[in-house]
Protein backbone atom coordinates (compact mmCIF):
# COMPACT_ATOMS: atom_id res chain seq x y z
CA MET A 1 95.75 199.15 128.21
CA SER A 2 95.39 199.94 131.90
CA TRP A 3 98.12 200.13 134.45
CA GLY A 4 98.32 199.91 138.25
CA THR A 5 100.35 198.69 141.17
CA TYR A 6 100.61 195.06 142.17
CA TYR A 7 101.50 194.21 145.73
CA LYS A 8 101.75 191.18 147.93
CA HIS A 9 100.42 191.36 151.43
CA GLU A 10 101.11 189.02 154.28
CA GLY A 11 98.82 189.63 157.19
CA TYR A 12 97.81 188.18 160.50
CA LEU A 13 94.34 188.19 162.03
CA SER A 14 94.63 187.73 165.78
CA ARG A 15 92.16 185.28 167.33
CA ILE A 16 90.24 184.79 164.07
CA SER A 17 90.15 181.39 162.37
CA ARG A 18 89.64 180.71 158.68
CA SER A 19 86.08 179.59 159.35
CA GLN A 20 85.25 182.88 161.10
CA ILE A 21 86.25 185.26 158.28
CA ASP A 22 82.79 185.72 156.74
CA GLU A 23 81.14 186.03 160.16
CA GLU A 24 83.68 188.66 161.25
CA ILE A 25 83.13 190.63 158.05
CA GLU A 26 79.38 190.62 158.67
CA GLU A 27 79.91 191.75 162.28
CA ARG A 28 82.19 194.65 161.30
CA GLU A 29 79.78 195.76 158.58
CA ALA A 30 76.90 195.61 161.09
CA ASP A 31 78.98 197.64 163.57
CA ASN A 32 79.60 200.31 160.94
CA ARG A 33 75.88 200.48 160.09
CA ARG A 34 75.09 200.85 163.81
CA ILE A 35 77.62 203.66 164.19
CA TYR A 36 76.22 205.51 161.17
CA ALA A 37 72.69 205.13 162.53
CA GLU A 38 73.76 206.53 165.91
CA MET A 39 75.51 209.45 164.24
CA LEU A 40 72.37 210.22 162.25
CA ALA A 41 70.28 210.06 165.41
CA TYR A 42 72.52 212.62 167.12
CA MET A 43 72.37 214.90 164.08
CA ALA A 44 68.58 214.67 163.81
CA GLN A 45 67.73 215.40 167.43
CA THR A 46 67.11 218.78 168.98
CA PRO A 47 70.17 219.25 171.16
CA PRO A 48 69.83 220.08 174.83
CA ALA A 49 71.93 222.92 176.21
CA TYR A 50 73.96 220.65 178.46
CA ALA A 51 75.07 217.05 178.83
CA LYS A 52 75.85 215.24 182.08
CA ASP A 53 78.89 213.11 182.74
CA CYS A 54 78.81 209.88 184.76
CA GLU A 55 79.20 211.88 187.99
CA GLY A 56 76.26 214.16 187.18
CA HIS A 57 78.29 217.27 186.31
CA GLU A 58 76.86 219.34 183.47
CA TYR A 59 78.91 220.58 180.53
CA PRO A 60 78.04 222.12 177.14
CA TRP A 61 76.32 219.79 174.69
CA ASN A 62 78.71 220.70 171.87
CA GLU A 63 81.64 219.39 173.94
CA PHE A 64 79.76 216.13 174.50
CA LEU A 65 78.96 215.84 170.80
CA ILE A 66 82.59 216.47 169.81
CA GLN A 67 83.74 213.69 172.16
CA LYS A 68 81.02 211.35 170.91
CA MET A 69 81.91 211.95 167.24
CA ARG A 70 85.61 211.38 167.97
CA GLY A 71 84.67 208.05 169.53
CA PHE A 72 82.59 207.15 166.49
CA GLN A 73 85.46 208.13 164.19
CA GLU A 74 87.95 205.97 166.10
CA GLU A 75 85.59 203.01 166.09
CA LEU A 76 84.87 203.41 162.37
CA GLU A 77 88.58 203.63 161.57
CA GLU A 78 89.37 200.50 163.60
CA ASN A 79 86.47 198.58 162.02
CA THR A 80 87.39 199.71 158.51
CA PHE A 81 91.03 198.73 158.97
CA LEU A 82 90.08 195.27 160.24
CA LEU A 83 87.39 194.91 157.59
CA CYS A 84 89.96 195.61 154.87
CA ARG A 85 92.30 192.94 156.28
CA LEU A 86 89.42 190.46 156.60
CA CYS A 87 88.39 191.05 152.98
CA GLN A 88 91.98 190.60 151.81
CA CYS A 89 92.15 187.31 153.68
CA ARG A 90 88.81 186.18 152.24
CA GLU A 91 90.05 186.97 148.74
CA VAL A 92 93.20 184.91 149.27
CA LEU A 93 91.09 182.09 150.73
CA ARG A 94 89.01 182.04 147.56
CA GLU A 95 91.85 182.36 145.07
CA HIS A 96 94.73 180.59 146.82
CA PRO A 97 93.47 178.73 149.91
CA GLU A 98 96.83 176.99 150.26
CA ASN A 99 98.32 180.41 151.20
CA VAL A 100 96.12 180.80 154.28
CA GLU A 101 97.09 178.89 157.37
CA GLU A 102 96.18 179.02 161.03
CA GLY A 103 98.74 179.04 163.74
């Protein structure tokens, strides 16, 4: 016999209606695929020695890449967190739709 932990979760999805759940999940998944593709593109390219900021100042490429990857990481974490909450909501909608209300 298996064992595990049961939990109840009450969540809130700001500015997302019940009818938008599946669409939002698809958007977040598409965002994550885009981010992964961009990361792969940066890894596959031959790096230049320097990058330029918006004012035209040059700085080492590795510093640029570190900043870019941090941005990707933050975006992936935010998307994954929201995606998890959206999937939880979708599951409740399927199993107990009376427990999901808009307001």
